[in-house]
Every structure is written in structure tokens, then in C-alpha cells.
Amino acid sequence: MPYAETSAMQLHREEISRTVARGAH
């Protein structure tokens, strides 16, 4: 991303969440 800020971090959390196996945490 061009810079680190709140909306970028939200996108990152969503990307991490997407890669977590179904049923895992």
C-alpha cells in the first residue's frame, strides 16, 4: 500500500481473515 493508516489496516485484517482456513481461528 502507499502508506500505513487505518483503512489500509482494515484491508489487511480482512485479507488475513480470508486466508484463515474455514472453521479455524
mmCIF file of all heavy atoms, coordinates in Angstrom:
data_MODEL
# 
_entry.id   MODEL 
# 
loop_
_atom_site.group_PDB 
_atom_site.id 
_atom_site.type_symbol 
_atom_site.label_atom_id 
_atom_site.label_alt_id 
_atom_site.label_comp_id 
_atom_site.label_asym_id 
_atom_site.label_entity_id 
_atom_site.label_seq_id 
_atom_site.pdbx_PDB_ins_code 
_atom_site.Cartn_x 
_atom_site.Cartn_y 
_atom_site.Cartn_z 
_atom_site.occupancy 
_atom_site.B_iso_or_equiv 
_atom_site.pdbx_formal_charge 
_atom_site.auth_seq_id 
_atom_site.auth_comp_id 
_atom_site.auth_asym_id 
_atom_site.auth_atom_id 
_atom_site.pdbx_PDB_model_num 
ATOM 1   N N   . MET A 1 1  ? 0.840   -1.195  0.000  1.00 0.00 ? 1  MET A N   1 
ATOM 2   C CA  . MET A 1 1  ? 0.000   0.000   0.000  1.00 0.00 ? 1  MET A CA  1 
ATOM 3   C C   . MET A 1 1  ? 0.877   1.247   0.000  1.00 0.00 ? 1  MET A C   1 
ATOM 4   O O   . MET A 1 1  ? 2.021   1.197   0.429  1.00 0.00 ? 1  MET A O   1 
ATOM 5   C CB  . MET A 1 1  ? -0.902  -0.018  1.234  1.00 0.00 ? 1  MET A CB  1 
ATOM 6   C CG  . MET A 1 1  ? -1.806  -1.235  1.281  1.00 0.00 ? 1  MET A CG  1 
ATOM 7   S SD  . MET A 1 1  ? -2.593  -1.464  2.878  1.00 0.00 ? 1  MET A SD  1 
ATOM 8   C CE  . MET A 1 1  ? -1.265  -2.167  3.835  1.00 0.00 ? 1  MET A CE  1 
ATOM 9   N N   . PRO A 1 2  ? 0.322   2.372   -0.450 1.00 0.00 ? 2  PRO A N   1 
ATOM 10  C CA  . PRO A 1 2  ? 1.133   3.593   -0.495 1.00 0.00 ? 2  PRO A CA  1 
ATOM 11  C C   . PRO A 1 2  ? 1.496   4.144   0.879  1.00 0.00 ? 2  PRO A C   1 
ATOM 12  O O   . PRO A 1 2  ? 2.484   4.842   1.024  1.00 0.00 ? 2  PRO A O   1 
ATOM 13  C CB  . PRO A 1 2  ? 0.284   4.584   -1.282 1.00 0.00 ? 2  PRO A CB  1 
ATOM 14  C CG  . PRO A 1 2  ? -1.094  4.031   -1.282 1.00 0.00 ? 2  PRO A CG  1 
ATOM 15  C CD  . PRO A 1 2  ? -0.993  2.553   -1.044 1.00 0.00 ? 2  PRO A CD  1 
ATOM 16  N N   . TYR A 1 3  ? 0.717   3.827   1.904  1.00 0.00 ? 3  TYR A N   1 
ATOM 17  C CA  . TYR A 1 3  ? 1.021   4.313   3.249  1.00 0.00 ? 3  TYR A CA  1 
ATOM 18  C C   . TYR A 1 3  ? 0.279   3.466   4.270  1.00 0.00 ? 3  TYR A C   1 
ATOM 19  O O   . TYR A 1 3  ? -0.671  2.756   3.944  1.00 0.00 ? 3  TYR A O   1 
ATOM 20  C CB  . TYR A 1 3  ? 0.667   5.788   3.417  1.00 0.00 ? 3  TYR A CB  1 
ATOM 21  C CG  . TYR A 1 3  ? -0.663  6.169   2.833  1.00 0.00 ? 3  TYR A CG  1 
ATOM 22  C CD1 . TYR A 1 3  ? -1.833  6.034   3.562  1.00 0.00 ? 3  TYR A CD1 1 
ATOM 23  C CD2 . TYR A 1 3  ? -0.752  6.640   1.523  1.00 0.00 ? 3  TYR A CD2 1 
ATOM 24  C CE1 . TYR A 1 3  ? -3.055  6.348   3.013  1.00 0.00 ? 3  TYR A CE1 1 
ATOM 25  C CE2 . TYR A 1 3  ? -1.981  6.959   0.968  1.00 0.00 ? 3  TYR A CE2 1 
ATOM 26  C CZ  . TYR A 1 3  ? -3.123  6.812   1.713  1.00 0.00 ? 3  TYR A CZ  1 
ATOM 27  O OH  . TYR A 1 3  ? -4.340  7.121   1.162  1.00 0.00 ? 3  TYR A OH  1 
ATOM 28  N N   . ALA A 1 4  ? 0.723   3.540   5.505  1.00 0.00 ? 4  ALA A N   1 
ATOM 29  C CA  . ALA A 1 4  ? 0.093   2.805   6.598  1.00 0.00 ? 4  ALA A CA  1 
ATOM 30  C C   . ALA A 1 4  ? -0.872  3.730   7.320  1.00 0.00 ? 4  ALA A C   1 
ATOM 31  O O   . ALA A 1 4  ? -0.477  4.784   7.809  1.00 0.00 ? 4  ALA A O   1 
ATOM 32  C CB  . ALA A 1 4  ? 1.154   2.297   7.568  1.00 0.00 ? 4  ALA A CB  1 
ATOM 33  N N   . GLU A 1 5  ? -2.128  3.326   7.342  1.00 0.00 ? 5  GLU A N   1 
ATOM 34  C CA  . GLU A 1 5  ? -3.134  4.079   8.058  1.00 0.00 ? 5  GLU A CA  1 
ATOM 35  C C   . GLU A 1 5  ? -4.326  3.172   8.316  1.00 0.00 ? 5  GLU A C   1 
ATOM 36  O O   . GLU A 1 5  ? -4.304  2.005   7.949  1.00 0.00 ? 5  GLU A O   1 
ATOM 37  C CB  . GLU A 1 5  ? -3.506  5.374   7.341  1.00 0.00 ? 5  GLU A CB  1 
ATOM 38  C CG  . GLU A 1 5  ? -3.737  5.245   5.855  1.00 0.00 ? 5  GLU A CG  1 
ATOM 39  C CD  . GLU A 1 5  ? -5.153  4.852   5.508  1.00 0.00 ? 5  GLU A CD  1 
ATOM 40  O OE1 . GLU A 1 5  ? -6.090  5.442   6.049  1.00 0.00 ? 5  GLU A OE1 1 
ATOM 41  O OE2 . GLU A 1 5  ? -5.325  3.942   4.701  1.00 0.00 ? 5  GLU A OE2 1 
ATOM 42  N N   . THR A 1 6  ? -5.362  3.697   8.967  1.00 0.00 ? 6  THR A N   1 
ATOM 43  C CA  . THR A 1 6  ? -6.468  2.879   9.452  1.00 0.00 ? 6  THR A CA  1 
ATOM 44  C C   . THR A 1 6  ? -7.156  2.079   8.349  1.00 0.00 ? 6  THR A C   1 
ATOM 45  O O   . THR A 1 6  ? -7.360  0.871   8.491  1.00 0.00 ? 6  THR A O   1 
ATOM 46  C CB  . THR A 1 6  ? -7.498  3.758   10.197 1.00 0.00 ? 6  THR A CB  1 
ATOM 47  O OG1 . THR A 1 6  ? -6.828  4.423   11.274 1.00 0.00 ? 6  THR A OG1 1 
ATOM 48  C CG2 . THR A 1 6  ? -8.626  2.924   10.757 1.00 0.00 ? 6  THR A CG2 1 
ATOM 49  N N   . SER A 1 7  ? -7.522  2.705   7.250  1.00 0.00 ? 7  SER A N   1 
ATOM 50  C CA  . SER A 1 7  ? -8.243  1.962   6.207  1.00 0.00 ? 7  SER A CA  1 
ATOM 51  C C   . SER A 1 7  ? -7.362  0.887   5.584  1.00 0.00 ? 7  SER A C   1 
ATOM 52  O O   . SER A 1 7  ? -7.845  -0.191  5.229  1.00 0.00 ? 7  SER A O   1 
ATOM 53  C CB  . SER A 1 7  ? -8.800  2.907   5.139  1.00 0.00 ? 7  SER A CB  1 
ATOM 54  O OG  . SER A 1 7  ? -7.768  3.572   4.467  1.00 0.00 ? 7  SER A OG  1 
ATOM 55  N N   . ALA A 1 8  ? -6.065  1.137   5.490  1.00 0.00 ? 8  ALA A N   1 
ATOM 56  C CA  . ALA A 1 8  ? -5.146  0.116   4.980  1.00 0.00 ? 8  ALA A CA  1 
ATOM 57  C C   . ALA A 1 8  ? -5.077  -1.067  5.935  1.00 0.00 ? 8  ALA A C   1 
ATOM 58  O O   . ALA A 1 8  ? -5.059  -2.235  5.524  1.00 0.00 ? 8  ALA A O   1 
ATOM 59  C CB  . ALA A 1 8  ? -3.761  0.715   4.764  1.00 0.00 ? 8  ALA A CB  1 
ATOM 60  N N   . MET A 1 9  ? -5.057  -0.785  7.238  1.00 0.00 ? 9  MET A N   1 
ATOM 61  C CA  . MET A 1 9  ? -5.018  -1.862  8.226  1.00 0.00 ? 9  MET A CA  1 
ATOM 62  C C   . MET A 1 9  ? -6.299  -2.673  8.190  1.00 0.00 ? 9  MET A C   1 
ATOM 63  O O   . MET A 1 9  ? -6.272  -3.893  8.356  1.00 0.00 ? 9  MET A O   1 
ATOM 64  C CB  . MET A 1 9  ? -4.769  -1.296  9.625  1.00 0.00 ? 9  MET A CB  1 
ATOM 65  C CG  . MET A 1 9  ? -4.547  -2.357  10.670 1.00 0.00 ? 9  MET A CG  1 
ATOM 66  S SD  . MET A 1 9  ? -3.092  -3.363  10.301 1.00 0.00 ? 9  MET A SD  1 
ATOM 67  C CE  . MET A 1 9  ? -3.447  -4.806  11.265 1.00 0.00 ? 9  MET A CE  1 
ATOM 68  N N   . GLN A 1 10 ? -7.435  -2.030  7.950  1.00 0.00 ? 10 GLN A N   1 
ATOM 69  C CA  . GLN A 1 10 ? -8.693  -2.779  7.844  1.00 0.00 ? 10 GLN A CA  1 
ATOM 70  C C   . GLN A 1 10 ? -8.628  -3.740  6.658  1.00 0.00 ? 10 GLN A C   1 
ATOM 71  O O   . GLN A 1 10 ? -9.028  -4.904  6.764  1.00 0.00 ? 10 GLN A O   1 
ATOM 72  C CB  . GLN A 1 10 ? -9.893  -1.840  7.704  1.00 0.00 ? 10 GLN A CB  1 
ATOM 73  C CG  . GLN A 1 10 ? -11.221 -2.560  7.724  1.00 0.00 ? 10 GLN A CG  1 
ATOM 74  C CD  . GLN A 1 10 ? -11.475 -3.256  9.055  1.00 0.00 ? 10 GLN A CD  1 
ATOM 75  O OE1 . GLN A 1 10 ? -11.364 -2.649  10.106 1.00 0.00 ? 10 GLN A OE1 1 
ATOM 76  N NE2 . GLN A 1 10 ? -11.799 -4.535  9.009  1.00 0.00 ? 10 GLN A NE2 1 
ATOM 77  N N   . LEU A 1 11 ? -8.107  -3.280  5.542  1.00 0.00 ? 11 LEU A N   1 
ATOM 78  C CA  . LEU A 1 11 ? -7.952  -4.156  4.378  1.00 0.00 ? 11 LEU A CA  1 
ATOM 79  C C   . LEU A 1 11 ? -7.027  -5.330  4.698  1.00 0.00 ? 11 LEU A C   1 
ATOM 80  O O   . LEU A 1 11 ? -7.276  -6.461  4.280  1.00 0.00 ? 11 LEU A O   1 
ATOM 81  C CB  . LEU A 1 11 ? -7.403  -3.368  3.182  1.00 0.00 ? 11 LEU A CB  1 
ATOM 82  C CG  . LEU A 1 11 ? -8.346  -2.354  2.552  1.00 0.00 ? 11 LEU A CG  1 
ATOM 83  C CD1 . LEU A 1 11 ? -7.602  -1.529  1.508  1.00 0.00 ? 11 LEU A CD1 1 
ATOM 84  C CD2 . LEU A 1 11 ? -9.560  -3.048  1.942  1.00 0.00 ? 11 LEU A CD2 1 
ATOM 85  N N   . HIS A 1 12 ? -5.975  -5.053  5.450  1.00 0.00 ? 12 HIS A N   1 
ATOM 86  C CA  . HIS A 1 12 ? -5.030  -6.111  5.813  1.00 0.00 ? 12 HIS A CA  1 
ATOM 87  C C   . HIS A 1 12 ? -5.699  -7.146  6.711  1.00 0.00 ? 12 HIS A C   1 
ATOM 88  O O   . HIS A 1 12 ? -5.547  -8.353  6.506  1.00 0.00 ? 12 HIS A O   1 
ATOM 89  C CB  . HIS A 1 12 ? -3.799  -5.507  6.493  1.00 0.00 ? 12 HIS A CB  1 
ATOM 90  C CG  . HIS A 1 12 ? -2.721  -6.498  6.735  1.00 0.00 ? 12 HIS A CG  1 
ATOM 91  N ND1 . HIS A 1 12 ? -2.096  -6.631  7.940  1.00 0.00 ? 12 HIS A ND1 1 
ATOM 92  C CD2 . HIS A 1 12 ? -2.158  -7.428  5.935  1.00 0.00 ? 12 HIS A CD2 1 
ATOM 93  C CE1 . HIS A 1 12 ? -1.204  -7.585  7.876  1.00 0.00 ? 12 HIS A CE1 1 
ATOM 94  N NE2 . HIS A 1 12 ? -1.223  -8.087  6.670  1.00 0.00 ? 12 HIS A NE2 1 
ATOM 95  N N   . ARG A 1 13 ? -6.457  -6.706  7.714  1.00 0.00 ? 13 ARG A N   1 
ATOM 96  C CA  . ARG A 1 13 ? -7.168  -7.648  8.586  1.00 0.00 ? 13 ARG A CA  1 
ATOM 97  C C   . ARG A 1 13 ? -8.118  -8.521  7.779  1.00 0.00 ? 13 ARG A C   1 
ATOM 98  O O   . ARG A 1 13 ? -8.226  -9.728  8.002  1.00 0.00 ? 13 ARG A O   1 
ATOM 99  C CB  . ARG A 1 13 ? -7.951  -6.909  9.660  1.00 0.00 ? 13 ARG A CB  1 
ATOM 100 C CG  . ARG A 1 13 ? -7.083  -6.346  10.744 1.00 0.00 ? 13 ARG A CG  1 
ATOM 101 C CD  . ARG A 1 13 ? -7.925  -5.662  11.788 1.00 0.00 ? 13 ARG A CD  1 
ATOM 102 N NE  . ARG A 1 13 ? -7.072  -5.103  12.830 1.00 0.00 ? 13 ARG A NE  1 
ATOM 103 C CZ  . ARG A 1 13 ? -7.540  -4.541  13.919 1.00 0.00 ? 13 ARG A CZ  1 
ATOM 104 N NH1 . ARG A 1 13 ? -8.836  -4.459  14.124 1.00 0.00 ? 13 ARG A NH1 1 
ATOM 105 N NH2 . ARG A 1 13 ? -6.713  -4.054  14.820 1.00 0.00 ? 13 ARG A NH2 1 
ATOM 106 N N   . GLU A 1 14 ? -8.812  -7.912  6.837  1.00 0.00 ? 14 GLU A N   1 
ATOM 107 C CA  . GLU A 1 14 ? -9.748  -8.676  6.003  1.00 0.00 ? 14 GLU A CA  1 
ATOM 108 C C   . GLU A 1 14 ? -9.013  -9.691  5.137  1.00 0.00 ? 14 GLU A C   1 
ATOM 109 O O   . GLU A 1 14 ? -9.490  -10.814 4.941  1.00 0.00 ? 14 GLU A O   1 
ATOM 110 C CB  . GLU A 1 14 ? -10.590 -7.714  5.163  1.00 0.00 ? 14 GLU A CB  1 
ATOM 111 C CG  . GLU A 1 14 ? -11.554 -6.907  6.014  1.00 0.00 ? 14 GLU A CG  1 
ATOM 112 C CD  . GLU A 1 14 ? -12.160 -5.714  5.296  1.00 0.00 ? 14 GLU A CD  1 
ATOM 113 O OE1 . GLU A 1 14 ? -11.941 -5.550  4.071  1.00 0.00 ? 14 GLU A OE1 1 
ATOM 114 O OE2 . GLU A 1 14 ? -12.862 -4.928  5.968  1.00 0.00 ? 14 GLU A OE2 1 
ATOM 115 N N   . GLU A 1 15 ? -7.847  -9.315  4.623  1.00 0.00 ? 15 GLU A N   1 
ATOM 116 C CA  . GLU A 1 15 ? -7.047  -10.245 3.811  1.00 0.00 ? 15 GLU A CA  1 
ATOM 117 C C   . GLU A 1 15 ? -6.551  -11.409 4.662  1.00 0.00 ? 15 GLU A C   1 
ATOM 118 O O   . GLU A 1 15 ? -6.593  -12.572 4.231  1.00 0.00 ? 15 GLU A O   1 
ATOM 119 C CB  . GLU A 1 15 ? -5.868  -9.499  3.169  1.00 0.00 ? 15 GLU A CB  1 
ATOM 120 C CG  . GLU A 1 15 ? -4.954  -10.366 2.331  1.00 0.00 ? 15 GLU A CG  1 
ATOM 121 C CD  . GLU A 1 15 ? -5.598  -10.932 1.076  1.00 0.00 ? 15 GLU A CD  1 
ATOM 122 O OE1 . GLU A 1 15 ? -6.704  -10.512 0.691  1.00 0.00 ? 15 GLU A OE1 1 
ATOM 123 O OE2 . GLU A 1 15 ? -4.979  -11.831 0.463  1.00 0.00 ? 15 GLU A OE2 1 
ATOM 124 N N   . ILE A 1 16 ? -6.083  -11.131 5.864  1.00 0.00 ? 16 ILE A N   1 
ATOM 125 C CA  . ILE A 1 16 ? -5.647  -12.205 6.761  1.00 0.00 ? 16 ILE A CA  1 
ATOM 126 C C   . ILE A 1 16 ? -6.827  -13.127 7.062  1.00 0.00 ? 16 ILE A C   1 
ATOM 127 O O   . ILE A 1 16 ? -6.715  -14.354 6.962  1.00 0.00 ? 16 ILE A O   1 
ATOM 128 C CB  . ILE A 1 16 ? -5.074  -11.627 8.072  1.00 0.00 ? 16 ILE A CB  1 
ATOM 129 C CG1 . ILE A 1 16 ? -3.796  -10.853 7.790  1.00 0.00 ? 16 ILE A CG1 1 
ATOM 130 C CG2 . ILE A 1 16 ? -4.821  -12.746 9.084  1.00 0.00 ? 16 ILE A CG2 1 
ATOM 131 C CD1 . ILE A 1 16 ? -3.342  -9.986  8.952  1.00 0.00 ? 16 ILE A CD1 1 
ATOM 132 N N   . SER A 1 17 ? -7.957  -12.557 7.397  1.00 0.00 ? 17 SER A N   1 
ATOM 133 C CA  . SER A 1 17 ? -9.148  -13.335 7.718  1.00 0.00 ? 17 SER A CA  1 
ATOM 134 C C   . SER A 1 17 ? -9.530  -14.249 6.562  1.00 0.00 ? 17 SER A C   1 
ATOM 135 O O   . SER A 1 17 ? -9.907  -15.406 6.762  1.00 0.00 ? 17 SER A O   1 
ATOM 136 C CB  . SER A 1 17 ? -10.308 -12.390 8.053  1.00 0.00 ? 17 SER A CB  1 
ATOM 137 O OG  . SER A 1 17 ? -11.495 -13.105 8.248  1.00 0.00 ? 17 SER A OG  1 
ATOM 138 N N   . ARG A 1 18 ? -9.410  -13.742 5.352  1.00 0.00 ? 18 ARG A N   1 
ATOM 139 C CA  . ARG A 1 18 ? -9.758  -14.514 4.156  1.00 0.00 ? 18 ARG A CA  1 
ATOM 140 C C   . ARG A 1 18 ? -8.867  -15.740 3.996  1.00 0.00 ? 18 ARG A C   1 
ATOM 141 O O   . ARG A 1 18 ? -9.292  -16.762 3.478  1.00 0.00 ? 18 ARG A O   1 
ATOM 142 C CB  . ARG A 1 18 ? -9.650  -13.603 2.933  1.00 0.00 ? 18 ARG A CB  1 
ATOM 143 C CG  . ARG A 1 18 ? -10.171 -14.189 1.643  1.00 0.00 ? 18 ARG A CG  1 
ATOM 144 C CD  . ARG A 1 18 ? -9.911  -13.261 0.462  1.00 0.00 ? 18 ARG A CD  1 
ATOM 145 N NE  . ARG A 1 18 ? -8.494  -13.098 0.176  1.00 0.00 ? 18 ARG A NE  1 
ATOM 146 C CZ  . ARG A 1 18 ? -7.719  -14.037 -0.376 1.00 0.00 ? 18 ARG A CZ  1 
ATOM 147 N NH1 . ARG A 1 18 ? -8.191  -15.207 -0.666 1.00 0.00 ? 18 ARG A NH1 1 
ATOM 148 N NH2 . ARG A 1 18 ? -6.444  -13.795 -0.620 1.00 0.00 ? 18 ARG A NH2 1 
ATOM 149 N N   . THR A 1 19 ? -7.617  -15.668 4.464  1.00 0.00 ? 19 THR A N   1 
ATOM 150 C CA  . THR A 1 19 ? -6.679  -16.783 4.287  1.00 0.00 ? 19 THR A CA  1 
ATOM 151 C C   . THR A 1 19 ? -6.741  -17.819 5.401  1.00 0.00 ? 19 THR A C   1 
ATOM 152 O O   . THR A 1 19 ? -6.117  -18.866 5.297  1.00 0.00 ? 19 THR A O   1 
ATOM 153 C CB  . THR A 1 19 ? -5.221  -16.281 4.158  1.00 0.00 ? 19 THR A CB  1 
ATOM 154 O OG1 . THR A 1 19 ? -4.807  -15.730 5.402  1.00 0.00 ? 19 THR A OG1 1 
ATOM 155 C CG2 . THR A 1 19 ? -5.076  -15.270 3.035  1.00 0.00 ? 19 THR A CG2 1 
ATOM 156 N N   . VAL A 1 20 ? -7.494  -17.527 6.462  1.00 0.00 ? 20 VAL A N   1 
ATOM 157 C CA  . VAL A 1 20 ? -7.634  -18.480 7.563  1.00 0.00 ? 20 VAL A CA  1 
ATOM 158 C C   . VAL A 1 20 ? -8.566  -19.603 7.113  1.00 0.00 ? 20 VAL A C   1 
ATOM 159 O O   . VAL A 1 20 ? -9.635  -19.346 6.554  1.00 0.00 ? 20 VAL A O   1 
ATOM 160 C CB  . VAL A 1 20 ? -8.191  -17.782 8.831  1.00 0.00 ? 20 VAL A CB  1 
ATOM 161 C CG1 . VAL A 1 20 ? -8.468  -18.784 9.938  1.00 0.00 ? 20 VAL A CG1 1 
ATOM 162 C CG2 . VAL A 1 20 ? -7.222  -16.707 9.307  1.00 0.00 ? 20 VAL A CG2 1 
ATOM 163 N N   . ALA A 1 21 ? -8.150  -20.845 7.351  1.00 0.00 ? 21 ALA A N   1 
ATOM 164 C CA  . ALA A 1 21 ? -8.956  -21.995 6.940  1.00 0.00 ? 21 ALA A CA  1 
ATOM 165 C C   . ALA A 1 21 ? -10.345 -21.935 7.574  1.00 0.00 ? 21 ALA A C   1 
ATOM 166 O O   . ALA A 1 21 ? -10.496 -21.493 8.723  1.00 0.00 ? 21 ALA A O   1 
ATOM 167 C CB  . ALA A 1 21 ? -8.256  -23.293 7.332  1.00 0.00 ? 21 ALA A CB  1 
ATOM 168 N N   . ARG A 1 22 ? -11.311 -22.402 6.838  1.00 0.00 ? 22 ARG A N   1 
ATOM 169 C CA  . ARG A 1 22 ? -12.692 -22.420 7.343  1.00 0.00 ? 22 ARG A CA  1 
ATOM 170 C C   . ARG A 1 22 ? -12.750 -23.217 8.644  1.00 0.00 ? 22 ARG A C   1 
ATOM 171 O O   . ARG A 1 22 ? -12.193 -24.307 8.741  1.00 0.00 ? 22 ARG A O   1 
ATOM 172 C CB  . ARG A 1 22 ? -13.603 -23.041 6.296  1.00 0.00 ? 22 ARG A CB  1 
ATOM 173 C CG  . ARG A 1 22 ? -15.042 -22.951 6.676  1.00 0.00 ? 22 ARG A CG  1 
ATOM 174 C CD  . ARG A 1 22 ? -15.913 -23.554 5.620  1.00 0.00 ? 22 ARG A CD  1 
ATOM 175 N NE  . ARG A 1 22 ? -17.281 -23.242 5.959  1.00 0.00 ? 22 ARG A NE  1 
ATOM 176 C CZ  . ARG A 1 22 ? -18.178 -22.833 5.096  1.00 0.00 ? 22 ARG A CZ  1 
ATOM 177 N NH1 . ARG A 1 22 ? -17.871 -22.719 3.831  1.00 0.00 ? 22 ARG A NH1 1 
ATOM 178 N NH2 . ARG A 1 22 ? -19.398 -22.565 5.495  1.00 0.00 ? 22 ARG A NH2 1 
ATOM 179 N N   . GLY A 1 23 ? -13.389 -22.651 9.655  1.00 0.00 ? 23 GLY A N   1 
ATOM 180 C CA  . GLY A 1 23 ? -13.510 -23.295 10.953 1.00 0.00 ? 23 GLY A CA  1 
ATOM 181 C C   . GLY A 1 23 ? -12.310 -23.079 11.860 1.00 0.00 ? 23 GLY A C   1 
ATOM 182 O O   . GLY A 1 23 ? -12.337 -23.465 13.020 1.00 0.00 ? 23 GLY A O   1 
ATOM 183 N N   . ALA A 1 24 ? -11.250 -22.460 11.353 1.00 0.00 ? 24 ALA A N   1 
ATOM 184 C CA  . ALA A 1 24 ? -10.046 -22.194 12.153 1.00 0.00 ? 24 ALA A CA  1 
ATOM 185 C C   . ALA A 1 24 ? -10.107 -20.781 12.722 1.00 0.00 ? 24 ALA A C   1 
ATOM 186 O O   . ALA A 1 24 ? -10.970 -19.976 12.353 1.00 0.00 ? 24 ALA A O   1 
ATOM 187 C CB  . ALA A 1 24 ? -8.793  -22.377 11.310 1.00 0.00 ? 24 ALA A CB  1 
ATOM 188 N N   . HIS A 1 25 ? -9.186  -20.489 13.601 1.00 0.00 ? 25 HIS A N   1 
ATOM 189 C CA  . HIS A 1 25 ? -9.088  -19.177 14.224 1.00 0.00 ? 25 HIS A CA  1 
ATOM 190 C C   . HIS A 1 25 ? -7.611  -18.781 14.242 1.00 0.00 ? 25 HIS A C   1 
ATOM 191 O O   . HIS A 1 25 ? -6.764  -19.622 14.502 1.00 0.00 ? 25 HIS A O   1 
ATOM 192 C CB  . HIS A 1 25 ? -9.647  -19.235 15.653 1.00 0.00 ? 25 HIS A CB  1 
ATOM 193 C CG  . HIS A 1 25 ? -9.927  -17.896 16.219 1.00 0.00 ? 25 HIS A CG  1 
ATOM 194 N ND1 . HIS A 1 25 ? -11.123 -17.238 16.021 1.00 0.00 ? 25 HIS A ND1 1 
ATOM 195 C CD2 . HIS A 1 25 ? -9.173  -17.072 16.964 1.00 0.00 ? 25 HIS A CD2 1 
ATOM 196 C CE1 . HIS A 1 25 ? -11.091 -16.075 16.635 1.00 0.00 ? 25 HIS A CE1 1 
ATOM 197 N NE2 . HIS A 1 25 ? -9.908  -15.954 17.216 1.00 0.00 ? 25 HIS A NE2 1 
# 
